[in-house]
């Protein structure tokens, strides 16, 4: 029998990674389109554990996936 482990529960979508302390200033497509520079560093601002975009990717609006910054315009 396969035991449920935290690693099995923490599966994230493409271009995403699980973070125990996610960045509260995750890059969004609206930031890319409006030419807003990345808010860095976000240190000390911990968001809830979950799946966040990997570096170089942005959250595609309110959807649950991340795209390259160039895909934000599509």
PDB file of N, CA and C in Angstrom:
ATOM      1  N   UNK A   1       0.845  -1.178   0.000  1.00  0.00           N
ATOM      2  CA  UNK A   1       0.000   0.000   0.000  1.00  0.00           C
ATOM      3  C   UNK A   1       0.893   1.245   0.000  1.00  0.00           C
ATOM      4  N   UNK A   2       0.522   2.238  -0.813  1.00  0.00           N
ATOM      5  CA  UNK A   2       1.285   3.470  -0.933  1.00  0.00           C
ATOM      6  C   UNK A   2       0.795   4.470   0.101  1.00  0.00           C
ATOM      7  N   UNK A   3       1.712   4.948   0.931  1.00  0.00           N
ATOM      8  CA  UNK A   3       1.348   5.930   1.943  1.00  0.00           C
ATOM      9  C   UNK A   3       1.339   7.322   1.329  1.00  0.00           C
ATOM     10  N   UNK A   4       0.403   8.146   1.768  1.00  0.00           N
ATOM     11  CA  UNK A   4       0.381   9.540   1.314  1.00  0.00           C
ATOM     12  C   UNK A   4       1.482  10.296   2.046  1.00  0.00           C
ATOM     13  N   UNK A   5       2.382  10.858   1.297  1.00  0.00           N
ATOM     14  CA  UNK A   5       3.455  11.657   1.888  1.00  0.00           C
ATOM     15  C   UNK A   5       3.303  13.085   1.402  1.00  0.00           C
ATOM     16  N   UNK A   6       3.881  14.038   2.116  1.00  0.00           N
ATOM     17  CA  UNK A   6       3.793  15.431   1.671  1.00  0.00           C
ATOM     18  C   UNK A   6       4.291  15.616   0.241  1.00  0.00           C
ATOM     19  N   UNK A   7       5.306  14.855  -0.169  1.00  0.00           N
ATOM     20  CA  UNK A   7       5.851  14.991  -1.515  1.00  0.00           C
ATOM     21  C   UNK A   7       4.824  14.607  -2.580  1.00  0.00           C
ATOM     22  N   UNK A   8       3.985  13.610  -2.289  1.00  0.00           N
ATOM     23  CA  UNK A   8       2.980  13.183  -3.255  1.00  0.00           C
ATOM     24  C   UNK A   8       1.851  14.205  -3.379  1.00  0.00           C
ATOM     25  N   UNK A   9       1.568  14.914  -2.316  1.00  0.00           N
ATOM     26  CA  UNK A   9       0.492  15.890  -2.309  1.00  0.00           C
ATOM     27  C   UNK A   9       0.931  17.190  -2.979  1.00  0.00           C
ATOM     28  N   UNK A  10       2.207  17.475  -2.974  1.00  0.00           N
ATOM     29  CA  UNK A  10       2.730  18.755  -3.446  1.00  0.00           C
ATOM     30  C   UNK A  10       3.084  18.760  -4.929  1.00  0.00           C
ATOM     31  N   UNK A  11       2.237  18.241  -5.750  1.00  0.00           N
ATOM     32  CA  UNK A  11       2.494  18.254  -7.190  1.00  0.00           C
ATOM     33  C   UNK A  11       1.968  19.558  -7.765  1.00  0.00           C
ATOM     34  N   UNK A  12       2.802  20.190  -8.529  1.00  0.00           N
ATOM     35  CA  UNK A  12       2.427  21.470  -9.122  1.00  0.00           C
ATOM     36  C   UNK A  12       2.375  21.345 -10.633  1.00  0.00           C
ATOM     37  N   UNK A  13       1.722  22.302 -11.248  1.00  0.00           N
ATOM     38  CA  UNK A  13       1.609  22.322 -12.695  1.00  0.00           C
ATOM     39  C   UNK A  13       2.921  22.683 -13.373  1.00  0.00           C
ATOM     40  N   UNK A  14       2.853  22.703 -14.677  1.00  0.00           N
ATOM     41  CA  UNK A  14       4.005  23.035 -15.505  1.00  0.00           C
ATOM     42  C   UNK A  14       4.495  24.453 -15.190  1.00  0.00           C
ATOM     43  N   UNK A  15       5.785  24.637 -15.150  1.00  0.00           N
ATOM     44  CA  UNK A  15       6.426  25.928 -14.880  1.00  0.00           C
ATOM     45  C   UNK A  15       6.185  26.429 -13.459  1.00  0.00           C
ATOM     46  N   UNK A  16       5.810  25.516 -12.569  1.00  0.00           N
ATOM     47  CA  UNK A  16       5.536  25.879 -11.180  1.00  0.00           C
ATOM     48  C   UNK A  16       6.353  25.000 -10.249  1.00  0.00           C
ATOM     49  N   UNK A  17       6.494  25.477  -9.011  1.00  0.00           N
ATOM     50  CA  UNK A  17       7.166  24.690  -7.989  1.00  0.00           C
ATOM     51  C   UNK A  17       6.472  24.916  -6.664  1.00  0.00           C
ATOM     52  N   UNK A  18       6.505  23.888  -5.817  1.00  0.00           N
ATOM     53  CA  UNK A  18       5.892  23.987  -4.495  1.00  0.00           C
ATOM     54  C   UNK A  18       6.835  24.743  -3.584  1.00  0.00           C
ATOM     55  N   UNK A  19       6.287  25.690  -2.840  1.00  0.00           N
ATOM     56  CA  UNK A  19       7.085  26.453  -1.883  1.00  0.00           C
ATOM     57  C   UNK A  19       6.360  26.469  -0.546  1.00  0.00           C
ATOM     58  N   UNK A  20       7.083  26.174   0.493  1.00  0.00           N
ATOM     59  CA  UNK A  20       6.521  26.205   1.841  1.00  0.00           C
ATOM     60  C   UNK A  20       6.184  27.644   2.237  1.00  0.00           C
ATOM     61  N   UNK A  21       7.027  28.572   1.798  1.00  0.00           N
ATOM     62  CA  UNK A  21       6.835  29.991   2.090  1.00  0.00           C
ATOM     63  C   UNK A  21       6.865  30.726   0.752  1.00  0.00           C
ATOM     64  N   UNK A  22       5.745  30.767   0.068  1.00  0.00           N
ATOM     65  CA  UNK A  22       5.682  31.363  -1.262  1.00  0.00           C
ATOM     66  C   UNK A  22       5.828  32.872  -1.242  1.00  0.00           C
ATOM     67  N   UNK A  23       6.367  33.404  -2.323  1.00  0.00           N
ATOM     68  CA  UNK A  23       6.565  34.849  -2.440  1.00  0.00           C
ATOM     69  C   UNK A  23       5.218  35.561  -2.541  1.00  0.00           C
ATOM     70  N   UNK A  24       5.037  36.581  -1.737  1.00  0.00           N
ATOM     71  CA  UNK A  24       3.780  37.325  -1.777  1.00  0.00           C
ATOM     72  C   UNK A  24       3.746  38.290  -2.952  1.00  0.00           C
ATOM     73  N   UNK A  25       4.853  38.423  -3.659  1.00  0.00           N
ATOM     74  CA  UNK A  25       4.890  39.327  -4.818  1.00  0.00           C
ATOM     75  C   UNK A  25       5.209  38.542  -6.088  1.00  0.00           C
ATOM     76  N   UNK A  26       4.512  37.444  -6.281  1.00  0.00           N
ATOM     77  CA  UNK A  26       4.699  36.622  -7.473  1.00  0.00           C
ATOM     78  C   UNK A  26       4.430  37.452  -8.730  1.00  0.00           C
ATOM     79  N   UNK A  27       5.261  37.267  -9.739  1.00  0.00           N
ATOM     80  CA  UNK A  27       5.136  38.000 -11.008  1.00  0.00           C
ATOM     81  C   UNK A  27       3.830  37.606 -11.695  1.00  0.00           C
ATOM     82  N   UNK A  28       3.075  38.601 -12.145  1.00  0.00           N
ATOM     83  CA  UNK A  28       1.797  38.404 -12.825  1.00  0.00           C
ATOM     84  C   UNK A  28       1.910  38.894 -14.266  1.00  0.00           C
ATOM     85  N   UNK A  29       1.113  38.346 -15.170  1.00  0.00           N
ATOM     86  CA  UNK A  29       1.126  38.812 -16.560  1.00  0.00           C
ATOM     87  C   UNK A  29       0.773  40.295 -16.651  1.00  0.00           C
ATOM     88  N   UNK A  30      -0.115  40.770 -15.809  1.00  0.00           N
ATOM     89  CA  UNK A  30      -0.465  42.198 -15.864  1.00  0.00           C
ATOM     90  C   UNK A  30       0.750  43.069 -15.555  1.00  0.00           C
ATOM     91  N   UNK A  31       1.671  42.574 -14.703  1.00  0.00           N
ATOM     92  CA  UNK A  31       2.909  43.310 -14.427  1.00  0.00           C
ATOM     93  C   UNK A  31       3.775  43.376 -15.679  1.00  0.00           C
ATOM     94  N   UNK A  32       3.871  42.255 -16.379  1.00  0.00           N
ATOM     95  CA  UNK A  32       4.685  42.182 -17.596  1.00  0.00           C
ATOM     96  C   UNK A  32       4.125  43.128 -18.654  1.00  0.00           C
ATOM     97  N   UNK A  33       2.821  43.063 -18.892  1.00  0.00           N
ATOM     98  CA  UNK A  33       2.177  43.880 -19.925  1.00  0.00           C
ATOM     99  C   UNK A  33       2.269  45.372 -19.603  1.00  0.00           C
ATOM    100  N   UNK A  34       2.145  45.719 -18.324  1.00  0.00           N
ATOM    101  CA  UNK A  34       2.217  47.123 -17.905  1.00  0.00           C
ATOM    102  C   UNK A  34       3.641  47.582 -17.620  1.00  0.00           C
ATOM    103  N   UNK A  35       4.612  46.721 -17.949  1.00  0.00           N
ATOM    104  CA  UNK A  35       6.033  47.038 -17.794  1.00  0.00           C
ATOM    105  C   UNK A  35       6.409  47.401 -16.352  1.00  0.00           C
ATOM    106  N   UNK A  36       5.785  46.725 -15.397  1.00  0.00           N
ATOM    107  CA  UNK A  36       6.102  46.924 -13.979  1.00  0.00           C
ATOM    108  C   UNK A  36       7.319  46.066 -13.658  1.00  0.00           C
ATOM    109  N   UNK A  37       8.393  46.673 -13.144  1.00  0.00           N
ATOM    110  CA  UNK A  37       9.582  45.870 -12.840  1.00  0.00           C
ATOM    111  C   UNK A  37       9.296  44.849 -11.737  1.00  0.00           C
ATOM    112  N   UNK A  38      10.009  43.730 -11.752  1.00  0.00           N
ATOM    113  CA  UNK A  38       9.818  42.723 -10.698  1.00  0.00           C
ATOM    114  C   UNK A  38      10.046  43.336  -9.320  1.00  0.00           C
ATOM    115  N   UNK A  39       9.186  42.981  -8.395  1.00  0.00           N
ATOM    116  CA  UNK A  39       9.321  43.465  -7.016  1.00  0.00           C
ATOM    117  C   UNK A  39      10.265  42.537  -6.278  1.00  0.00           C
ATOM    118  N   UNK A  40      11.472  42.969  -6.193  1.00  0.00           N
ATOM    119  CA  UNK A  40      12.492  42.116  -5.605  1.00  0.00           C
ATOM    120  C   UNK A  40      13.341  42.949  -4.672  1.00  0.00           C
ATOM    121  N   UNK A  41      13.772  42.470  -3.574  1.00  0.00           N
ATOM    122  CA  UNK A  41      13.420  41.151  -3.054  1.00  0.00           C
ATOM    123  C   UNK A  41      12.094  41.177  -2.306  1.00  0.00           C
ATOM    124  N   UNK A  42      11.495  40.034  -2.177  1.00  0.00           N
ATOM    125  CA  UNK A  42      10.235  39.867  -1.442  1.00  0.00           C
ATOM    126  C   UNK A  42      10.508  39.257  -0.076  1.00  0.00           C
ATOM    127  N   UNK A  43      11.696  39.270   0.350  1.00  0.00           N
ATOM    128  CA  UNK A  43      12.114  38.606   1.579  1.00  0.00           C
ATOM    129  C   UNK A  43      11.320  39.102   2.765  1.00  0.00           C
ATOM    130  N   UNK A  44      10.994  38.223   3.614  1.00  0.00           N
ATOM    131  CA  UNK A  44      10.263  38.580   4.818  1.00  0.00           C
ATOM    132  C   UNK A  44       8.757  38.657   4.584  1.00  0.00           C
ATOM    133  N   UNK A  45       8.343  38.513   3.331  1.00  0.00           N
ATOM    134  CA  UNK A  45       6.918  38.530   3.015  1.00  0.00           C
ATOM    135  C   UNK A  45       6.523  37.124   2.586  1.00  0.00           C
ATOM    136  N   UNK A  46       6.055  36.336   3.522  1.00  0.00           N
ATOM    137  CA  UNK A  46       5.760  34.934   3.252  1.00  0.00           C
ATOM    138  C   UNK A  46       4.269  34.743   2.997  1.00  0.00           C
ATOM    139  N   UNK A  47       3.954  34.135   1.877  1.00  0.00           N
ATOM    140  CA  UNK A  47       2.578  33.811   1.534  1.00  0.00           C
ATOM    141  C   UNK A  47       2.305  32.362   1.939  1.00  0.00           C
ATOM    142  N   UNK A  48       1.107  31.913   1.770  1.00  0.00           N
ATOM    143  CA  UNK A  48       0.730  30.548   2.143  1.00  0.00           C
ATOM    144  C   UNK A  48       1.515  29.513   1.338  1.00  0.00           C
ATOM    145  N   UNK A  49       1.744  28.331   1.895  1.00  0.00           N
ATOM    146  CA  UNK A  49       2.393  27.258   1.137  1.00  0.00           C
ATOM    147  C   UNK A  49       1.546  26.909  -0.085  1.00  0.00           C
ATOM    148  N   UNK A  50       2.211  26.584  -1.175  1.00  0.00           N
ATOM    149  CA  UNK A  50       1.481  26.217  -2.381  1.00  0.00           C
ATOM    150  C   UNK A  50       2.365  26.233  -3.603  1.00  0.00           C
ATOM    151  N   UNK A  51       1.743  26.200  -4.763  1.00  0.00           N
ATOM    152  CA  UNK A  51       2.453  26.185  -6.042  1.00  0.00           C
ATOM    153  C   UNK A  51       2.610  27.606  -6.561  1.00  0.00           C
ATOM    154  N   UNK A  52       3.825  27.948  -6.904  1.00  0.00           N
ATOM    155  CA  UNK A  52       4.154  29.285  -7.386  1.00  0.00           C
ATOM    156  C   UNK A  52       4.949  29.179  -8.678  1.00  0.00           C
ATOM    157  N   UNK A  53       4.907  30.239  -9.479  1.00  0.00           N
ATOM    158  CA  UNK A  53       5.647  30.262 -10.746  1.00  0.00           C
ATOM    159  C   UNK A  53       7.146  30.187 -10.487  1.00  0.00           C
ATOM    160  N   UNK A  54       7.824  29.439 -11.334  1.00  0.00           N
ATOM    161  CA  UNK A  54       9.282  29.365 -11.271  1.00  0.00           C
ATOM    162  C   UNK A  54       9.863  30.682 -11.769  1.00  0.00           C
ATOM    163  N   UNK A  55      11.119  30.962 -11.436  1.00  0.00           N
ATOM    164  CA  UNK A  55      11.758  32.184 -11.933  1.00  0.00           C
ATOM    165  C   UNK A  55      11.708  32.233 -13.463  1.00  0.00           C
ATOM    166  N   UNK A  56      11.413  33.417 -14.008  1.00  0.00           N
ATOM    167  CA  UNK A  56      11.317  33.587 -15.453  1.00  0.00           C
ATOM    168  C   UNK A  56       9.922  33.370 -16.003  1.00  0.00           C
ATOM    169  N   UNK A  57       8.974  33.014 -15.135  1.00  0.00           N
ATOM    170  CA  UNK A  57       7.595  32.779 -15.547  1.00  0.00           C
ATOM    171  C   UNK A  57       6.673  33.729 -14.793  1.00  0.00           C
ATOM    172  N   UNK A  58       5.472  33.920 -15.328  1.00  0.00           N
ATOM    173  CA  UNK A  58       4.493  34.810 -14.701  1.00  0.00           C
ATOM    174  C   UNK A  58       3.142  34.109 -14.638  1.00  0.00           C
ATOM    175  N   UNK A  59       2.362  34.477 -13.623  1.00  0.00           N
ATOM    176  CA  UNK A  59       1.018  33.913 -13.448  1.00  0.00           C
ATOM    177  C   UNK A  59       0.121  34.470 -14.551  1.00  0.00           C
ATOM    178  N   UNK A  60      -0.532  33.586 -15.290  1.00  0.00           N
ATOM    179  CA  UNK A  60      -1.406  34.005 -16.381  1.00  0.00           C
ATOM    180  C   UNK A  60      -2.739  34.446 -15.804  1.00  0.00           C
ATOM    181  N   UNK A  61      -2.822  35.710 -15.468  1.00  0.00           N
ATOM    182  CA  UNK A  61      -3.995  36.333 -14.873  1.00  0.00           C
ATOM    183  C   UNK A  61      -4.467  35.520 -13.669  1.00  0.00           C
ATOM    184  N   UNK A  62      -5.742  35.289 -13.518  1.00  0.00           N
ATOM    185  CA  UNK A  62      -6.219  34.566 -12.331  1.00  0.00           C
ATOM    186  C   UNK A  62      -6.225  33.058 -12.521  1.00  0.00           C
ATOM    187  N   UNK A  63      -5.723  32.590 -13.664  1.00  0.00           N
ATOM    188  CA  UNK A  63      -5.722  31.158 -13.921  1.00  0.00           C
ATOM    189  C   UNK A  63      -4.643  30.467 -13.102  1.00  0.00           C
ATOM    190  N   UNK A  64      -4.725  29.174 -13.022  1.00  0.00           N
ATOM    191  CA  UNK A  64      -3.819  28.400 -12.177  1.00  0.00           C
ATOM    192  C   UNK A  64      -2.614  27.870 -12.932  1.00  0.00           C
ATOM    193  N   UNK A  65      -2.054  28.654 -13.841  1.00  0.00           N
ATOM    194  CA  UNK A  65      -0.844  28.195 -14.519  1.00  0.00           C
ATOM    195  C   UNK A  65       0.085  29.365 -14.798  1.00  0.00           C
ATOM    196  N   UNK A  66       1.329  29.029 -15.101  1.00  0.00           N
ATOM    197  CA  UNK A  66       2.372  30.022 -15.324  1.00  0.00           C
ATOM    198  C   UNK A  66       2.900  29.898 -16.747  1.00  0.00           C
ATOM    199  N   UNK A  67       3.199  31.039 -17.354  1.00  0.00           N
ATOM    200  CA  UNK A  67       3.685  31.084 -18.731  1.00  0.00           C
ATOM    201  C   UNK A  67       4.970  31.907 -18.779  1.00  0.00           C
ATOM    202  N   UNK A  68       5.710  31.783 -19.888  1.00  0.00           N
ATOM    203  CA  UNK A  68       6.870  32.656 -20.055  1.00  0.00           C
ATOM    204  C   UNK A  68       6.338  34.079 -20.189  1.00  0.00           C
ATOM    205  N   UNK A  69       7.169  35.048 -19.866  1.00  0.00           N
ATOM    206  CA  UNK A  69       6.713  36.434 -19.922  1.00  0.00           C
ATOM    207  C   UNK A  69       6.266  36.823 -21.329  1.00  0.00           C
ATOM    208  N   UNK A  70       6.907  36.282 -22.357  1.00  0.00           N
ATOM    209  CA  UNK A  70       6.506  36.611 -23.735  1.00  0.00           C
ATOM    210  C   UNK A  70       5.114  36.063 -24.059  1.00  0.00           C
ATOM    211  N   UNK A  71       4.703  34.988 -23.397  1.00  0.00           N
ATOM    212  CA  UNK A  71       3.372  34.416 -23.626  1.00  0.00           C
ATOM    213  C   UNK A  71       2.262  35.249 -22.987  1.00  0.00           C
ATOM    214  N   UNK A  72       2.613  36.172 -22.119  1.00  0.00           N
ATOM    215  CA  UNK A  72       1.605  37.033 -21.489  1.00  0.00           C
ATOM    216  C   UNK A  72       0.899  37.903 -22.520  1.00  0.00           C
ATOM    217  N   UNK A  73       1.568  38.182 -23.629  1.00  0.00           N
ATOM    218  CA  UNK A  73       1.001  39.056 -24.653  1.00  0.00           C
ATOM    219  C   UNK A  73       0.061  38.319 -25.596  1.00  0.00           C
ATOM    220  N   UNK A  74       0.028  36.987 -25.515  1.00  0.00           N
ATOM    221  CA  UNK A  74      -0.745  36.185 -26.469  1.00  0.00           C
ATOM    222  C   UNK A  74      -2.141  35.949 -26.147  1.00  0.00           C
TER     223      UNK A  74
END
